[in-house]
N, C-alpha and C. Protein backbone atom coordinates (compact mmCIF):
# COMPACT_ATOMS: atom_id res chain seq x y z
N UNK A 1 -148.97 86.35 -90.32
CA UNK A 1 -149.58 84.87 -90.38
C UNK A 1 -149.66 85.27 -92.25
N UNK A 2 -149.92 86.14 -93.21
CA UNK A 2 -150.20 84.94 -93.68
C UNK A 2 -148.94 84.15 -94.12
N UNK A 3 -147.42 84.64 -93.59
CA UNK A 3 -146.56 83.32 -94.21
C UNK A 3 -147.02 81.84 -93.58
N UNK A 4 -147.68 82.03 -92.00
CA UNK A 4 -147.93 80.23 -91.97
C UNK A 4 -149.02 79.74 -93.03
N UNK A 5 -150.10 80.83 -93.18
CA UNK A 5 -150.86 79.76 -94.29
C UNK A 5 -150.53 79.17 -95.00
N UNK A 6 -149.42 80.36 -95.74
CA UNK A 6 -148.53 80.22 -97.24
C UNK A 6 -148.42 78.48 -97.11
N UNK A 7 -147.36 79.06 -96.00
CA UNK A 7 -146.49 77.05 -95.59
C UNK A 7 -148.27 76.50 -94.98
N UNK A 8 -148.61 76.27 -94.73
CA UNK A 8 -149.54 75.08 -94.58
C UNK A 8 -150.35 74.99 -96.29
N UNK A 9 -150.76 76.11 -96.43
CA UNK A 9 -150.87 75.88 -97.33
C UNK A 9 -149.87 75.00 -98.98
N UNK A 10 -148.85 74.88 -98.58
CA UNK A 10 -147.94 74.09 -99.19
C UNK A 10 -147.21 72.89 -98.83
N UNK A 11 -147.53 73.02 -97.69
CA UNK A 11 -147.90 72.15 -97.05
C UNK A 11 -148.54 70.66 -97.70
N UNK A 12 -150.34 70.99 -98.00
CA UNK A 12 -150.77 70.37 -98.60
C UNK A 12 -151.05 70.54 -100.07
N UNK A 13 -149.69 71.34 -100.36
CA UNK A 13 -150.11 71.24 -102.23
C UNK A 13 -151.39 71.75 -102.86
N UNK A 14 -151.51 73.27 -102.10
CA UNK A 14 -152.57 74.17 -103.02
C UNK A 14 -151.54 75.25 -103.73
N UNK A 15 -150.25 75.53 -102.89
CA UNK A 15 -149.83 75.86 -103.96
C UNK A 15 -148.06 76.28 -103.93
N UNK A 16 -147.76 76.54 -104.75
CA UNK A 16 -145.92 76.22 -105.14
C UNK A 16 -145.17 76.24 -104.35
N UNK A 17 -144.02 75.88 -103.74
CA UNK A 17 -142.82 76.36 -103.52
C UNK A 17 -142.42 78.29 -103.58
N UNK A 18 -142.74 78.41 -104.95
CA UNK A 18 -141.96 79.94 -105.01
C UNK A 18 -143.31 81.03 -104.73
N UNK A 19 -144.64 80.67 -104.88
CA UNK A 19 -145.32 80.64 -103.11
C UNK A 19 -145.74 81.14 -102.62
N UNK A 20 -144.71 80.10 -101.57
CA UNK A 20 -144.91 80.41 -100.63
C UNK A 20 -143.27 81.42 -100.26
N UNK A 21 -142.36 81.54 -101.27
CA UNK A 21 -141.08 82.49 -100.39
C UNK A 21 -141.53 83.58 -101.18
N UNK A 22 -142.38 83.40 -102.11
CA UNK A 22 -142.78 85.03 -101.92
C UNK A 22 -143.31 85.72 -100.90
N UNK A 23 -144.20 84.85 -100.14
CA UNK A 23 -145.21 84.98 -98.98
C UNK A 23 -143.84 85.39 -97.24
N UNK A 24 -143.62 84.34 -97.78
CA UNK A 24 -142.12 84.47 -96.46
C UNK A 24 -141.05 85.48 -96.80
N UNK A 25 -141.23 86.06 -98.57
CA UNK A 25 -140.12 87.05 -98.48
C UNK A 25 -140.52 88.96 -98.19
N UNK A 26 -141.94 88.24 -98.38
CA UNK A 26 -142.73 89.92 -97.79
C UNK A 26 -143.27 89.92 -96.34
N UNK A 27 -142.92 89.16 -95.80
CA UNK A 27 -142.55 88.45 -94.32
C UNK A 27 -141.54 89.47 -93.43
N UNK A 28 -140.52 88.63 -94.15
CA UNK A 28 -139.06 89.08 -93.57
C UNK A 28 -138.60 90.62 -93.89
N UNK A 29 -139.19 91.16 -95.16
CA UNK A 29 -138.69 91.86 -95.63
C UNK A 29 -140.05 92.90 -94.28
N UNK A 30 -140.96 93.00 -94.36
CA UNK A 30 -141.79 93.33 -93.60
C UNK A 30 -141.17 93.20 -92.27
N UNK A 31 -141.04 92.12 -91.20
CA UNK A 31 -140.48 92.45 -90.40
C UNK A 31 -138.39 93.02 -89.76
N UNK A 32 -138.12 93.03 -91.70
CA UNK A 32 -137.17 94.07 -91.63
C UNK A 32 -137.31 95.45 -90.46
N UNK A 33 -137.77 96.33 -91.83
CA UNK A 33 -138.13 97.56 -91.41
C UNK A 33 -138.98 97.55 -90.02
N UNK A 34 -139.28 96.85 -89.43
CA UNK A 34 -140.39 96.93 -88.36
C UNK A 34 -139.58 96.48 -87.25
N UNK A 35 -138.39 96.60 -87.49
CA UNK A 35 -137.78 95.67 -86.12
C UNK A 35 -137.79 94.96 -85.24
N UNK A 36 -139.48 94.18 -86.15
CA UNK A 36 -139.67 93.04 -84.52
C UNK A 36 -138.55 92.35 -83.94
N UNK A 37 -137.20 91.89 -84.10
CA UNK A 37 -136.68 91.47 -84.17
C UNK A 37 -136.30 92.46 -82.84
N UNK A 38 -135.56 91.11 -81.48
CA UNK A 38 -134.96 92.21 -80.33
C UNK A 38 -133.74 92.12 -81.02
N UNK A 39 -132.60 90.84 -81.67
CA UNK A 39 -131.69 91.39 -82.28
C UNK A 39 -131.31 92.79 -83.34
N UNK A 40 -132.18 93.13 -83.90
CA UNK A 40 -132.21 94.54 -84.64
C UNK A 40 -132.10 96.06 -84.20
N UNK A 41 -132.55 95.33 -82.52
CA UNK A 41 -133.16 96.92 -82.39
C UNK A 41 -131.88 97.17 -81.08
N UNK A 42 -132.08 98.73 -81.04
CA UNK A 42 -130.35 98.90 -79.80
C UNK A 42 -131.45 99.01 -79.01
N UNK A 43 -130.32 98.77 -77.74
CA UNK A 43 -130.18 98.42 -76.21
C UNK A 43 -131.15 100.10 -76.28
N UNK A 44 -132.44 99.81 -74.87
CA UNK A 44 -132.71 99.99 -75.03
C UNK A 44 -134.39 100.99 -75.62
N UNK A 45 -134.12 100.46 -77.10
CA UNK A 45 -135.20 100.91 -78.55
C UNK A 45 -136.95 99.82 -77.78
N UNK A 46 -137.47 100.54 -77.98
CA UNK A 46 -138.79 99.62 -77.67
C UNK A 46 -139.78 99.95 -79.00
N UNK A 47 -140.17 98.52 -79.46
CA UNK A 47 -140.91 98.54 -80.90
C UNK A 47 -141.84 98.08 -80.45
N UNK A 48 -143.32 99.38 -79.90
CA UNK A 48 -144.59 99.24 -80.06
C UNK A 48 -144.82 98.68 -77.85
N UNK A 49 -146.06 98.06 -78.56
CA UNK A 49 -145.55 98.53 -76.62
C UNK A 49 -145.81 96.96 -75.92
N UNK A 50 -144.68 96.26 -77.40
CA UNK A 50 -143.79 96.03 -75.57
C UNK A 50 -144.86 94.06 -75.84
N UNK A 51 -144.40 93.36 -74.69
CA UNK A 51 -144.55 92.13 -74.45
C UNK A 51 -146.17 92.34 -73.22
N UNK A 52 -146.70 91.19 -73.53
CA UNK A 52 -147.66 90.84 -72.26
C UNK A 52 -146.86 90.90 -70.63
N UNK A 53 -145.66 90.29 -71.10
CA UNK A 53 -145.17 90.61 -69.56
C UNK A 53 -145.53 92.59 -68.99
N UNK A 54 -144.39 92.78 -70.76
CA UNK A 54 -144.02 94.00 -69.93
C UNK A 54 -145.48 94.86 -70.05
N UNK A 55 -146.54 95.04 -70.28
CA UNK A 55 -148.12 95.53 -70.08
C UNK A 55 -147.72 95.66 -68.45
N UNK A 56 -148.46 94.48 -67.80
CA UNK A 56 -148.70 93.60 -67.08
C UNK A 56 -147.68 94.49 -65.65
N UNK A 57 -146.55 94.18 -65.86
CA UNK A 57 -145.18 95.20 -65.30
C UNK A 57 -145.24 97.05 -65.43
N UNK A 58 -145.55 96.96 -66.15
CA UNK A 58 -145.85 98.06 -66.39
C UNK A 58 -147.06 98.63 -65.49
N UNK A 59 -148.30 98.35 -65.59
CA UNK A 59 -149.80 98.37 -65.00
C UNK A 59 -149.58 97.50 -63.54
N UNK A 60 -148.58 97.17 -63.38
CA UNK A 60 -148.29 96.81 -61.56
C UNK A 60 -147.67 97.77 -60.75
N UNK A 61 -146.56 97.80 -61.89
CA UNK A 61 -145.54 99.38 -61.13
C UNK A 61 -146.35 100.27 -61.08
N UNK A 62 -146.57 100.92 -62.24
CA UNK A 62 -148.07 101.86 -61.88
C UNK A 62 -148.76 102.66 -60.76
N UNK A 63 -148.24 100.78 -60.07
CA UNK A 63 -150.06 101.12 -59.52
C UNK A 63 -151.49 101.28 -60.02
N UNK A 64 -152.05 101.20 -61.31
CA UNK A 64 -152.83 101.22 -61.91
C UNK A 64 -153.77 100.83 -61.61
N UNK A 65 -153.38 99.20 -61.35
CA UNK A 65 -154.58 97.54 -60.93
C UNK A 65 -155.16 98.32 -60.13
N UNK A 66 -154.27 99.21 -58.56
CA UNK A 66 -154.84 99.14 -57.89
C UNK A 66 -155.71 99.84 -57.49
N UNK A 67 -155.72 100.89 -58.31
CA UNK A 67 -157.11 101.81 -58.38
C UNK A 67 -158.67 101.28 -59.20
N UNK A 68 -159.90 101.32 -58.80
CA UNK A 68 -161.09 100.50 -58.82
C UNK A 68 -161.43 101.95 -59.34
N UNK A 69 -162.12 102.35 -59.86
CA UNK A 69 -163.02 104.03 -60.53
C UNK A 69 -164.05 103.49 -60.20
N UNK A 70 -164.90 102.26 -60.45
CA UNK A 70 -165.52 101.38 -61.07
C UNK A 70 -166.32 100.81 -60.19
N UNK A 71 -167.98 101.13 -59.46
CA UNK A 71 -168.63 101.05 -58.13
C UNK A 71 -169.34 99.95 -59.17
N UNK A 72 -170.21 97.80 -59.03
CA UNK A 72 -170.58 97.40 -58.94
C UNK A 72 -171.13 97.12 -58.28
N UNK A 73 -172.62 97.12 -58.70
CA UNK A 73 -173.84 97.14 -57.98
C UNK A 73 -173.72 95.88 -57.45
N UNK A 74 -174.29 95.61 -56.42
CA UNK A 74 -175.07 94.21 -55.69
C UNK A 74 -175.30 93.15 -56.78
N UNK A 75 -174.90 92.26 -56.87
CA UNK A 75 -174.81 91.06 -57.42
C UNK A 75 -175.78 89.77 -56.36
N UNK A 76 -176.17 88.55 -56.37
CA UNK A 76 -176.57 87.52 -55.83
C UNK A 76 -175.63 86.49 -55.36
N UNK A 77 -174.50 87.06 -55.93
CA UNK A 77 -173.28 86.48 -55.23
C UNK A 77 -172.96 87.52 -54.37
N UNK A 78 -172.86 88.44 -54.33
CA UNK A 78 -172.92 89.23 -53.16
C UNK A 78 -173.36 89.45 -51.63
N UNK A 79 -174.79 89.06 -52.81
CA UNK A 79 -175.63 88.33 -50.92
C UNK A 79 -175.07 86.84 -50.32
N UNK A 80 -174.85 86.64 -51.67
CA UNK A 80 -174.91 84.69 -50.79
C UNK A 80 -173.49 85.84 -49.89
N UNK A 81 -172.03 85.55 -50.39
CA UNK A 81 -171.06 86.26 -49.35
C UNK A 81 -171.10 86.65 -48.27
N UNK A 82 -172.11 88.09 -48.18
CA UNK A 82 -172.90 87.91 -47.03
C UNK A 82 -173.88 87.49 -46.22
N UNK A 83 -173.88 86.86 -46.55
CA UNK A 83 -174.61 85.74 -45.81
C UNK A 83 -174.08 84.69 -44.73
N UNK A 84 -172.84 84.00 -45.78
CA UNK A 84 -172.23 84.07 -45.34
C UNK A 84 -170.91 84.59 -44.66
N UNK A 85 -171.19 85.33 -44.02
CA UNK A 85 -170.04 86.94 -43.43
C UNK A 85 -170.73 86.32 -42.20
N UNK A 86 -171.97 87.04 -42.31
CA UNK A 86 -172.60 87.38 -41.15
C UNK A 86 -172.97 85.81 -40.52
N UNK A 87 -172.70 84.25 -41.14
CA UNK A 87 -173.61 83.19 -40.69
C UNK A 87 -171.88 82.82 -39.49
N UNK A 88 -171.00 83.40 -40.47
CA UNK A 88 -169.26 82.92 -39.45
C UNK A 88 -169.54 83.38 -38.11
N UNK A 89 -169.76 85.26 -38.25
CA UNK A 89 -169.38 85.52 -37.75
C UNK A 89 -170.27 85.55 -36.30
N UNK A 90 -172.01 85.40 -36.36
CA UNK A 90 -173.02 84.58 -35.56
C UNK A 90 -172.57 83.68 -34.90
N UNK A 91 -171.24 82.38 -35.46
CA UNK A 91 -170.83 80.87 -34.58
C UNK A 91 -169.69 81.72 -33.93
N UNK A 92 -169.68 82.50 -34.17
CA UNK A 92 -167.77 83.41 -33.94
C UNK A 92 -166.65 82.87 -34.26
N UNK A 93 -166.74 82.44 -35.97
CA UNK A 93 -165.51 82.00 -36.72
C UNK A 93 -165.01 82.40 -37.68
N UNK A 94 -165.68 84.23 -37.45
CA UNK A 94 -164.95 85.22 -39.38
C UNK A 94 -163.57 84.87 -39.09
N UNK A 95 -162.93 86.24 -38.09
CA UNK A 95 -161.69 85.94 -37.83
C UNK A 95 -160.61 84.98 -38.23
N UNK A 96 -161.26 83.31 -38.46
CA UNK A 96 -160.55 82.10 -38.16
C UNK A 96 -160.41 81.44 -39.39
N UNK A 97 -161.28 82.37 -40.54
CA UNK A 97 -161.42 81.19 -41.43
C UNK A 97 -160.09 82.24 -42.62
C-alpha cells in the first residue's frame, strides 16, 4: 500500500522518482521474503490464509457453513413470513410457490 501511495504522490509531483523507487524497492524486498508471488512458491506450499475463494471452498467442503449453532429470536420479518405462509396455506396454494 505504501508503494501505491508513493506512486500516486509521484504522479502528482509531490515526491521525486528516487523516493518512489525506494518505496517500490522496499515493497519488492518484502514480497520476495514473504513469497507473495505464486511463481516463487513450491508446489503445494501455501502462503497465509490463501485467497477468499480458497477460504470459502474450505468452509463449504468442511460443512462448516451448514452448521448454525446460533438461534436468532423471532423478529418482525419472521412474523410477516409466518403470516404469509398461513395465508397461502389457508387458500390451499402453499405447496405451489
